[in-house]
């Protein structure tokens, strides 16, 4: 019974770990799951150079997703800055 529990825990650890890695990739690229799936379905990227127009660079992408204060990134306190209707874009499109 312990072996079955350990095997199940290992399997779920891989699933959740893969899920976490995928969504960390999305945060770094400043993309949603829907945008990722649409780009993958089309087989090409939407902008020259392969970057999303909302990709602001590593640090700004993480701040856009998790908030401006790194002390609160692991605690669900507050939310991202902005009004939720307009988002900053790269200026060199």
PDB file of N, CA and C in Angstrom:
ATOM      1  N   UNK A   1       0.817  -1.188   0.000  1.00  0.00           N
ATOM      2  CA  UNK A   1       0.000   0.000   0.000  1.00  0.00           C
ATOM      3  C   UNK A   1       0.871   1.266   0.000  1.00  0.00           C
ATOM      4  N   UNK A   2       2.001   1.207   0.718  1.00  0.00           N
ATOM      5  CA  UNK A   2       2.909   2.349   0.747  1.00  0.00           C
ATOM      6  C   UNK A   2       3.522   2.568  -0.631  1.00  0.00           C
ATOM      7  N   UNK A   3       3.830   1.488  -1.330  1.00  0.00           N
ATOM      8  CA  UNK A   3       4.404   1.608  -2.672  1.00  0.00           C
ATOM      9  C   UNK A   3       3.405   2.254  -3.624  1.00  0.00           C
ATOM     10  N   UNK A   4       2.140   1.886  -3.510  1.00  0.00           N
ATOM     11  CA  UNK A   4       1.114   2.485  -4.368  1.00  0.00           C
ATOM     12  C   UNK A   4       0.966   3.972  -4.072  1.00  0.00           C
ATOM     13  N   UNK A   5       0.969   4.322  -2.799  1.00  0.00           N
ATOM     14  CA  UNK A   5       0.885   5.736  -2.419  1.00  0.00           C
ATOM     15  C   UNK A   5       2.081   6.530  -2.909  1.00  0.00           C
ATOM     16  N   UNK A   6       3.254   5.940  -2.799  1.00  0.00           N
ATOM     17  CA  UNK A   6       4.467   6.609  -3.275  1.00  0.00           C
ATOM     18  C   UNK A   6       4.450   6.778  -4.787  1.00  0.00           C
ATOM     19  N   UNK A   7       3.990   5.764  -5.490  1.00  0.00           N
ATOM     20  CA  UNK A   7       3.897   5.842  -6.943  1.00  0.00           C
ATOM     21  C   UNK A   7       2.896   6.910  -7.372  1.00  0.00           C
ATOM     22  N   UNK A   8       1.767   6.963  -6.697  1.00  0.00           N
ATOM     23  CA  UNK A   8       0.763   7.982  -6.999  1.00  0.00           C
ATOM     24  C   UNK A   8       1.306   9.379  -6.709  1.00  0.00           C
ATOM     25  N   UNK A   9       1.999   9.543  -5.587  1.00  0.00           N
ATOM     26  CA  UNK A   9       2.590  10.840  -5.251  1.00  0.00           C
ATOM     27  C   UNK A   9       3.635  11.251  -6.281  1.00  0.00           C
ATOM     28  N   UNK A  10       4.439  10.317  -6.737  1.00  0.00           N
ATOM     29  CA  UNK A  10       5.449  10.605  -7.751  1.00  0.00           C
ATOM     30  C   UNK A  10       4.793  11.031  -9.062  1.00  0.00           C
ATOM     31  N   UNK A  11       3.770  10.303  -9.471  1.00  0.00           N
ATOM     32  CA  UNK A  11       3.052  10.640 -10.699  1.00  0.00           C
ATOM     33  C   UNK A  11       2.427  12.032 -10.605  1.00  0.00           C
ATOM     34  N   UNK A  12       1.734  12.307  -9.520  1.00  0.00           N
ATOM     35  CA  UNK A  12       1.103  13.618  -9.355  1.00  0.00           C
ATOM     36  C   UNK A  12       2.147  14.726  -9.248  1.00  0.00           C
ATOM     37  N   UNK A  13       3.294  14.420  -8.646  1.00  0.00           N
ATOM     38  CA  UNK A  13       4.378  15.397  -8.583  1.00  0.00           C
ATOM     39  C   UNK A  13       4.879  15.780  -9.964  1.00  0.00           C
ATOM     40  N   UNK A  14       5.017  14.790 -10.849  1.00  0.00           N
ATOM     41  CA  UNK A  14       5.430  15.085 -12.222  1.00  0.00           C
ATOM     42  C   UNK A  14       4.374  15.898 -12.965  1.00  0.00           C
ATOM     43  N   UNK A  15       3.115  15.561 -12.777  1.00  0.00           N
ATOM     44  CA  UNK A  15       2.039  16.289 -13.460  1.00  0.00           C
ATOM     45  C   UNK A  15       1.992  17.739 -12.991  1.00  0.00           C
ATOM     46  N   UNK A  16       1.983  17.940 -11.682  1.00  0.00           N
ATOM     47  CA  UNK A  16       1.918  19.299 -11.141  1.00  0.00           C
ATOM     48  C   UNK A  16       3.202  20.063 -11.452  1.00  0.00           C
ATOM     49  N   UNK A  17       4.349  19.393 -11.418  1.00  0.00           N
ATOM     50  CA  UNK A  17       5.609  20.039 -11.773  1.00  0.00           C
ATOM     51  C   UNK A  17       5.628  20.499 -13.224  1.00  0.00           C
ATOM     52  N   UNK A  18       5.132  19.652 -14.124  1.00  0.00           N
ATOM     53  CA  UNK A  18       5.036  20.048 -15.527  1.00  0.00           C
ATOM     54  C   UNK A  18       4.091  21.216 -15.728  1.00  0.00           C
ATOM     55  N   UNK A  19       2.978  21.191 -15.027  1.00  0.00           N
ATOM     56  CA  UNK A  19       2.009  22.284 -15.082  1.00  0.00           C
ATOM     57  C   UNK A  19       2.658  23.583 -14.601  1.00  0.00           C
ATOM     58  N   UNK A  20       3.405  23.516 -13.504  1.00  0.00           N
ATOM     59  CA  UNK A  20       4.071  24.704 -12.961  1.00  0.00           C
ATOM     60  C   UNK A  20       5.137  25.225 -13.923  1.00  0.00           C
ATOM     61  N   UNK A  21       5.917  24.332 -14.516  1.00  0.00           N
ATOM     62  CA  UNK A  21       6.943  24.762 -15.470  1.00  0.00           C
ATOM     63  C   UNK A  21       6.330  25.412 -16.705  1.00  0.00           C
ATOM     64  N   UNK A  22       5.236  24.835 -17.207  1.00  0.00           N
ATOM     65  CA  UNK A  22       4.577  25.403 -18.381  1.00  0.00           C
ATOM     66  C   UNK A  22       4.056  26.806 -18.086  1.00  0.00           C
ATOM     67  N   UNK A  23       3.434  26.987 -16.938  1.00  0.00           N
ATOM     68  CA  UNK A  23       2.885  28.298 -16.623  1.00  0.00           C
ATOM     69  C   UNK A  23       3.965  29.299 -16.228  1.00  0.00           C
ATOM     70  N   UNK A  24       5.097  28.827 -15.739  1.00  0.00           N
ATOM     71  CA  UNK A  24       6.238  29.720 -15.535  1.00  0.00           C
ATOM     72  C   UNK A  24       6.746  30.211 -16.888  1.00  0.00           C
ATOM     73  N   UNK A  25       6.801  29.325 -17.867  1.00  0.00           N
ATOM     74  CA  UNK A  25       7.169  29.716 -19.235  1.00  0.00           C
ATOM     75  C   UNK A  25       6.199  30.767 -19.769  1.00  0.00           C
ATOM     76  N   UNK A  26       4.905  30.575 -19.534  1.00  0.00           N
ATOM     77  CA  UNK A  26       3.918  31.542 -20.009  1.00  0.00           C
ATOM     78  C   UNK A  26       4.090  32.898 -19.333  1.00  0.00           C
ATOM     79  N   UNK A  27       4.386  32.904 -18.041  1.00  0.00           N
ATOM     80  CA  UNK A  27       4.605  34.168 -17.340  1.00  0.00           C
ATOM     81  C   UNK A  27       5.826  34.878 -17.911  1.00  0.00           C
ATOM     82  N   UNK A  28       6.898  34.135 -18.153  1.00  0.00           N
ATOM     83  CA  UNK A  28       8.122  34.738 -18.676  1.00  0.00           C
ATOM     84  C   UNK A  28       7.888  35.327 -20.062  1.00  0.00           C
ATOM     85  N   UNK A  29       7.038  34.704 -20.866  1.00  0.00           N
ATOM     86  CA  UNK A  29       6.722  35.207 -22.213  1.00  0.00           C
ATOM     87  C   UNK A  29       5.539  36.170 -22.221  1.00  0.00           C
ATOM     88  N   UNK A  30       4.879  36.357 -21.069  1.00  0.00           N
ATOM     89  CA  UNK A  30       3.715  37.235 -20.918  1.00  0.00           C
ATOM     90  C   UNK A  30       2.597  36.826 -21.881  1.00  0.00           C
ATOM     91  N   UNK A  31       2.273  35.533 -21.856  1.00  0.00           N
ATOM     92  CA  UNK A  31       1.232  34.974 -22.713  1.00  0.00           C
ATOM     93  C   UNK A  31       0.186  34.271 -21.860  1.00  0.00           C
ATOM     94  N   UNK A  32      -1.016  34.145 -22.410  1.00  0.00           N
ATOM     95  CA  UNK A  32      -2.040  33.328 -21.778  1.00  0.00           C
ATOM     96  C   UNK A  32      -2.016  31.941 -22.411  1.00  0.00           C
ATOM     97  N   UNK A  33      -2.702  31.009 -21.777  1.00  0.00           N
ATOM     98  CA  UNK A  33      -2.786  29.658 -22.327  1.00  0.00           C
ATOM     99  C   UNK A  33      -3.482  29.680 -23.683  1.00  0.00           C
ATOM    100  N   UNK A  34      -4.497  30.522 -23.824  1.00  0.00           N
ATOM    101  CA  UNK A  34      -5.227  30.618 -25.094  1.00  0.00           C
ATOM    102  C   UNK A  34      -4.304  31.129 -26.196  1.00  0.00           C
ATOM    103  N   UNK A  35      -3.508  32.161 -25.914  1.00  0.00           N
ATOM    104  CA  UNK A  35      -2.567  32.667 -26.916  1.00  0.00           C
ATOM    105  C   UNK A  35      -1.566  31.591 -27.325  1.00  0.00           C
ATOM    106  N   UNK A  36      -1.067  30.845 -26.357  1.00  0.00           N
ATOM    107  CA  UNK A  36      -0.116  29.778 -26.654  1.00  0.00           C
ATOM    108  C   UNK A  36      -0.745  28.732 -27.566  1.00  0.00           C
ATOM    109  N   UNK A  37      -1.965  28.321 -27.248  1.00  0.00           N
ATOM    110  CA  UNK A  37      -2.640  27.289 -28.051  1.00  0.00           C
ATOM    111  C   UNK A  37      -2.950  27.786 -29.454  1.00  0.00           C
ATOM    112  N   UNK A  38      -3.353  29.052 -29.591  1.00  0.00           N
ATOM    113  CA  UNK A  38      -3.638  29.595 -30.920  1.00  0.00           C
ATOM    114  C   UNK A  38      -2.377  29.659 -31.769  1.00  0.00           C
ATOM    115  N   UNK A  39      -1.275  30.079 -31.172  1.00  0.00           N
ATOM    116  CA  UNK A  39      -0.017  30.143 -31.922  1.00  0.00           C
ATOM    117  C   UNK A  39       0.456  28.758 -32.312  1.00  0.00           C
ATOM    118  N   UNK A  40       0.295  27.814 -31.412  1.00  0.00           N
ATOM    119  CA  UNK A  40       0.715  26.443 -31.702  1.00  0.00           C
ATOM    120  C   UNK A  40      -0.155  25.839 -32.801  1.00  0.00           C
ATOM    121  N   UNK A  41      -1.435  26.152 -32.775  1.00  0.00           N
ATOM    122  CA  UNK A  41      -2.367  25.632 -33.774  1.00  0.00           C
ATOM    123  C   UNK A  41      -2.040  26.182 -35.162  1.00  0.00           C
ATOM    124  N   UNK A  42      -1.698  27.453 -35.237  1.00  0.00           N
ATOM    125  CA  UNK A  42      -1.374  28.068 -36.523  1.00  0.00           C
ATOM    126  C   UNK A  42      -0.017  27.633 -37.047  1.00  0.00           C
ATOM    127  N   UNK A  43       0.865  27.209 -36.156  1.00  0.00           N
ATOM    128  CA  UNK A  43       2.174  26.745 -36.575  1.00  0.00           C
ATOM    129  C   UNK A  43       3.154  27.854 -36.883  1.00  0.00           C
ATOM    130  N   UNK A  44       2.807  29.071 -36.550  1.00  0.00           N
ATOM    131  CA  UNK A  44       3.728  30.188 -36.766  1.00  0.00           C
ATOM    132  C   UNK A  44       3.476  31.232 -35.692  1.00  0.00           C
ATOM    133  N   UNK A  45       4.399  32.141 -35.577  1.00  0.00           N
ATOM    134  CA  UNK A  45       4.265  33.200 -34.588  1.00  0.00           C
ATOM    135  C   UNK A  45       3.655  34.432 -35.229  1.00  0.00           C
ATOM    136  N   UNK A  46       2.979  35.234 -34.437  1.00  0.00           N
ATOM    137  CA  UNK A  46       2.213  36.344 -34.975  1.00  0.00           C
ATOM    138  C   UNK A  46       3.047  37.574 -35.297  1.00  0.00           C
ATOM    139  N   UNK A  47       4.150  37.766 -34.624  1.00  0.00           N
ATOM    140  CA  UNK A  47       4.936  38.967 -34.845  1.00  0.00           C
ATOM    141  C   UNK A  47       6.321  38.605 -35.349  1.00  0.00           C
ATOM    142  N   UNK A  48       6.973  39.520 -36.070  1.00  0.00           N
ATOM    143  CA  UNK A  48       8.344  39.262 -36.507  1.00  0.00           C
ATOM    144  C   UNK A  48       9.249  39.063 -35.298  1.00  0.00           C
ATOM    145  N   UNK A  49      10.150  38.126 -35.380  1.00  0.00           N
ATOM    146  CA  UNK A  49      11.049  37.847 -34.274  1.00  0.00           C
ATOM    147  C   UNK A  49      10.472  36.878 -33.267  1.00  0.00           C
ATOM    148  N   UNK A  50       9.227  36.511 -33.415  1.00  0.00           N
ATOM    149  CA  UNK A  50       8.625  35.514 -32.552  1.00  0.00           C
ATOM    150  C   UNK A  50       8.178  35.994 -31.191  1.00  0.00           C
ATOM    151  N   UNK A  51       8.178  37.285 -30.950  1.00  0.00           N
ATOM    152  CA  UNK A  51       7.776  37.796 -29.643  1.00  0.00           C
ATOM    153  C   UNK A  51       6.367  38.362 -29.704  1.00  0.00           C
ATOM    154  N   UNK A  52       5.663  38.193 -28.615  1.00  0.00           N
ATOM    155  CA  UNK A  52       4.339  38.775 -28.480  1.00  0.00           C
ATOM    156  C   UNK A  52       4.467  40.286 -28.319  1.00  0.00           C
ATOM    157  N   UNK A  53       3.465  41.019 -28.721  1.00  0.00           N
ATOM    158  CA  UNK A  53       3.519  42.470 -28.551  1.00  0.00           C
ATOM    159  C   UNK A  53       3.443  42.859 -27.085  1.00  0.00           C
ATOM    160  N   UNK A  54       3.025  41.932 -26.236  1.00  0.00           N
ATOM    161  CA  UNK A  54       2.936  42.204 -24.802  1.00  0.00           C
ATOM    162  C   UNK A  54       4.143  41.683 -24.034  1.00  0.00           C
ATOM    163  N   UNK A  55       5.122  41.124 -24.731  1.00  0.00           N
ATOM    164  CA  UNK A  55       6.339  40.627 -24.091  1.00  0.00           C
ATOM    165  C   UNK A  55       7.230  41.815 -23.760  1.00  0.00           C
ATOM    166  N   UNK A  56       7.319  42.147 -22.483  1.00  0.00           N
ATOM    167  CA  UNK A  56       8.047  43.332 -22.042  1.00  0.00           C
ATOM    168  C   UNK A  56       9.434  43.016 -21.499  1.00  0.00           C
ATOM    169  N   UNK A  57       9.874  41.789 -21.630  1.00  0.00           N
ATOM    170  CA  UNK A  57      11.135  41.367 -21.041  1.00  0.00           C
ATOM    171  C   UNK A  57      10.872  40.580 -19.767  1.00  0.00           C
ATOM    172  N   UNK A  58      11.850  39.800 -19.347  1.00  0.00           N
ATOM    173  CA  UNK A  58      11.667  38.868 -18.231  1.00  0.00           C
ATOM    174  C   UNK A  58      11.113  39.546 -16.982  1.00  0.00           C
ATOM    175  N   UNK A  59      11.822  40.542 -16.474  1.00  0.00           N
ATOM    176  CA  UNK A  59      11.450  41.144 -15.191  1.00  0.00           C
ATOM    177  C   UNK A  59      10.090  41.837 -15.261  1.00  0.00           C
ATOM    178  N   UNK A  60       9.830  42.590 -16.313  1.00  0.00           N
ATOM    179  CA  UNK A  60       8.548  43.287 -16.431  1.00  0.00           C
ATOM    180  C   UNK A  60       7.393  42.318 -16.662  1.00  0.00           C
ATOM    181  N   UNK A  61       7.643  41.201 -17.335  1.00  0.00           N
ATOM    182  CA  UNK A  61       6.596  40.193 -17.511  1.00  0.00           C
ATOM    183  C   UNK A  61       6.210  39.570 -16.177  1.00  0.00           C
ATOM    184  N   UNK A  62       7.202  39.253 -15.364  1.00  0.00           N
ATOM    185  CA  UNK A  62       6.917  38.665 -14.051  1.00  0.00           C
ATOM    186  C   UNK A  62       6.167  39.672 -13.188  1.00  0.00           C
ATOM    187  N   UNK A  63       6.589  40.936 -13.231  1.00  0.00           N
ATOM    188  CA  UNK A  63       5.889  41.965 -12.461  1.00  0.00           C
ATOM    189  C   UNK A  63       4.465  42.169 -12.961  1.00  0.00           C
ATOM    190  N   UNK A  64       4.246  42.053 -14.260  1.00  0.00           N
ATOM    191  CA  UNK A  64       2.897  42.215 -14.804  1.00  0.00           C
ATOM    192  C   UNK A  64       1.972  41.097 -14.337  1.00  0.00           C
ATOM    193  N   UNK A  65       2.506  39.899 -14.171  1.00  0.00           N
ATOM    194  CA  UNK A  65       1.679  38.764 -13.765  1.00  0.00           C
ATOM    195  C   UNK A  65       1.498  38.671 -12.255  1.00  0.00           C
ATOM    196  N   UNK A  66       2.552  38.958 -11.490  1.00  0.00           N
ATOM    197  CA  UNK A  66       2.518  38.705 -10.048  1.00  0.00           C
ATOM    198  C   UNK A  66       2.405  39.960  -9.196  1.00  0.00           C
ATOM    199  N   UNK A  67       2.543  41.128  -9.789  1.00  0.00           N
ATOM    200  CA  UNK A  67       2.456  42.375  -9.035  1.00  0.00           C
ATOM    201  C   UNK A  67       3.812  43.049  -8.943  1.00  0.00           C
ATOM    202  N   UNK A  68       3.797  44.293  -8.498  1.00  0.00           N
ATOM    203  CA  UNK A  68       5.022  45.089  -8.475  1.00  0.00           C
ATOM    204  C   UNK A  68       5.945  44.768  -7.301  1.00  0.00           C
ATOM    205  N   UNK A  69       5.414  44.268  -6.206  1.00  0.00           N
ATOM    206  CA  UNK A  69       6.211  44.036  -5.004  1.00  0.00           C
ATOM    207  C   UNK A  69       6.570  42.555  -4.868  1.00  0.00           C
ATOM    208  N   UNK A  70       7.851  42.185  -5.023  1.00  0.00           N
ATOM    209  CA  UNK A  70       8.246  40.771  -4.932  1.00  0.00           C
ATOM    210  C   UNK A  70       7.961  40.128  -3.578  1.00  0.00           C
ATOM    211  N   UNK A  71       7.820  40.927  -2.529  1.00  0.00           N
ATOM    212  CA  UNK A  71       7.529  40.359  -1.209  1.00  0.00           C
ATOM    213  C   UNK A  71       6.167  39.670  -1.180  1.00  0.00           C
ATOM    214  N   UNK A  72       5.270  40.062  -2.053  1.00  0.00           N
ATOM    215  CA  UNK A  72       3.923  39.510  -2.054  1.00  0.00           C
ATOM    216  C   UNK A  72       3.682  38.504  -3.176  1.00  0.00           C
ATOM    217  N   UNK A  73       4.717  38.080  -3.882  1.00  0.00           N
ATOM    218  CA  UNK A  73       4.532  37.164  -5.002  1.00  0.00           C
ATOM    219  C   UNK A  73       4.050  35.796  -4.564  1.00  0.00           C
ATOM    220  N   UNK A  74       4.466  35.311  -3.414  1.00  0.00           N
ATOM    221  CA  UNK A  74       4.060  33.983  -2.962  1.00  0.00           C
ATOM    222  C   UNK A  74       2.803  34.013  -2.107  1.00  0.00           C
ATOM    223  N   UNK A  75       2.319  35.189  -1.772  1.00  0.00           N
ATOM    224  CA  UNK A  75       1.098  35.321  -0.982  1.00  0.00           C
ATOM    225  C   UNK A  75       0.048  36.028  -1.832  1.00  0.00           C
ATOM    226  N   UNK A  76      -1.156  35.513  -1.891  1.00  0.00           N
ATOM    227  CA  UNK A  76      -2.199  36.141  -2.721  1.00  0.00           C
ATOM    228  C   UNK A  76      -2.743  37.411  -2.079  1.00  0.00           C
ATOM    229  N   UNK A  77      -1.938  38.458  -2.103  1.00  0.00           N
ATOM    230  CA  UNK A  77      -2.323  39.737  -1.520  1.00  0.00           C
ATOM    231  C   UNK A  77      -2.321  40.781  -2.621  1.00  0.00           C
ATOM    232  N   UNK A  78      -3.421  41.463  -2.802  1.00  0.00           N
ATOM    233  CA  UNK A  78      -3.494  42.465  -3.852  1.00  0.00           C
ATOM    234  C   UNK A  78      -3.608  41.808  -5.216  1.00  0.00           C
ATOM    235  N   UNK A  79      -3.117  42.474  -6.218  1.00  0.00           N
ATOM    236  CA  UNK A  79      -3.171  41.943  -7.566  1.00  0.00           C
ATOM    237  C   UNK A  79      -2.248  42.715  -8.473  1.00  0.00           C
ATOM    238  N   UNK A  80      -2.274  42.404  -9.735  1.00  0.00           N
ATOM    239  CA  UNK A  80      -1.436  43.126 -10.685  1.00  0.00           C
ATOM    240  C   UNK A  80      -1.855  44.585 -10.783  1.00  0.00           C
ATOM    241  N   UNK A  81      -0.917  45.422 -11.152  1.00  0.00           N
ATOM    242  CA  UNK A  81      -1.236  46.833 -11.315  1.00  0.00           C
ATOM    243  C   UNK A  81      -2.021  47.035 -12.609  1.00  0.00           C
ATOM    244  N   UNK A  82      -2.700  48.140 -12.697  1.00  0.00           N
ATOM    245  CA  UNK A  82      -3.468  48.463 -13.889  1.00  0.00           C
ATOM    246  C   UNK A  82      -4.954  48.280 -13.672  1.00  0.00           C
ATOM    247  N   UNK A  83      -5.716  48.623 -14.710  1.00  0.00           N
ATOM    248  CA  UNK A  83      -7.170  48.552 -14.605  1.00  0.00           C
ATOM    249  C   UNK A  83      -7.752  47.263 -15.175  1.00  0.00           C
ATOM    250  N   UNK A  84      -6.935  46.432 -15.800  1.00  0.00           N
ATOM    251  CA  UNK A  84      -7.413  45.178 -16.361  1.00  0.00           C
ATOM    252  C   UNK A  84      -7.997  45.306 -17.756  1.00  0.00           C
ATOM    253  N   UNK A  85      -8.034  46.509 -18.288  1.00  0.00           N
ATOM    254  CA  UNK A  85      -8.583  46.728 -19.628  1.00  0.00           C
ATOM    255  C   UNK A  85      -7.525  47.156 -20.634  1.00  0.00           C
ATOM    256  N   UNK A  86      -6.497  47.833 -20.174  1.00  0.00           N
ATOM    257  CA  UNK A  86      -5.414  48.248 -21.063  1.00  0.00           C
ATOM    258  C   UNK A  86      -4.104  47.715 -20.501  1.00  0.00           C
ATOM    259  N   UNK A  87      -3.235  47.287 -21.399  1.00  0.00           N
ATOM    260  CA  UNK A  87      -1.986  46.652 -20.999  1.00  0.00           C
ATOM    261  C   UNK A  87      -0.832  47.270 -21.767  1.00  0.00           C
ATOM    262  N   UNK A  88       0.340  47.406 -21.135  1.00  0.00           N
ATOM    263  CA  UNK A  88       1.493  47.971 -21.844  1.00  0.00           C
ATOM    264  C   UNK A  88       1.982  47.026 -22.937  1.00  0.00           C
ATOM    265  N   UNK A  89       2.491  47.606 -24.007  1.00  0.00           N
ATOM    266  CA  UNK A  89       3.038  46.821 -25.112  1.00  0.00           C
ATOM    267  C   UNK A  89       4.474  47.256 -25.373  1.00  0.00           C
ATOM    268  N   UNK A  90       5.183  46.424 -26.131  1.00  0.00           N
ATOM    269  CA  UNK A  90       6.533  46.813 -26.541  1.00  0.00           C
ATOM    270  C   UNK A  90       6.418  47.984 -27.500  1.00  0.00           C
ATOM    271  N   UNK A  91       7.348  48.904 -27.407  1.00  0.00           N
ATOM    272  CA  UNK A  91       7.296  50.085 -28.262  1.00  0.00           C
ATOM    273  C   UNK A  91       8.010  49.879 -29.593  1.00  0.00           C
ATOM    274  N   UNK A  92       8.770  48.817 -29.714  1.00  0.00           N
ATOM    275  CA  UNK A  92       9.548  48.610 -30.942  1.00  0.00           C
ATOM    276  C   UNK A  92       8.917  47.560 -31.851  1.00  0.00           C
ATOM    277  N   UNK A  93       7.610  47.603 -32.007  1.00  0.00           N
ATOM    278  CA  UNK A  93       6.953  46.642 -32.914  1.00  0.00           C
ATOM    279  C   UNK A  93       7.188  47.007 -34.357  1.00  0.00           C
TER     280      UNK A  93
END
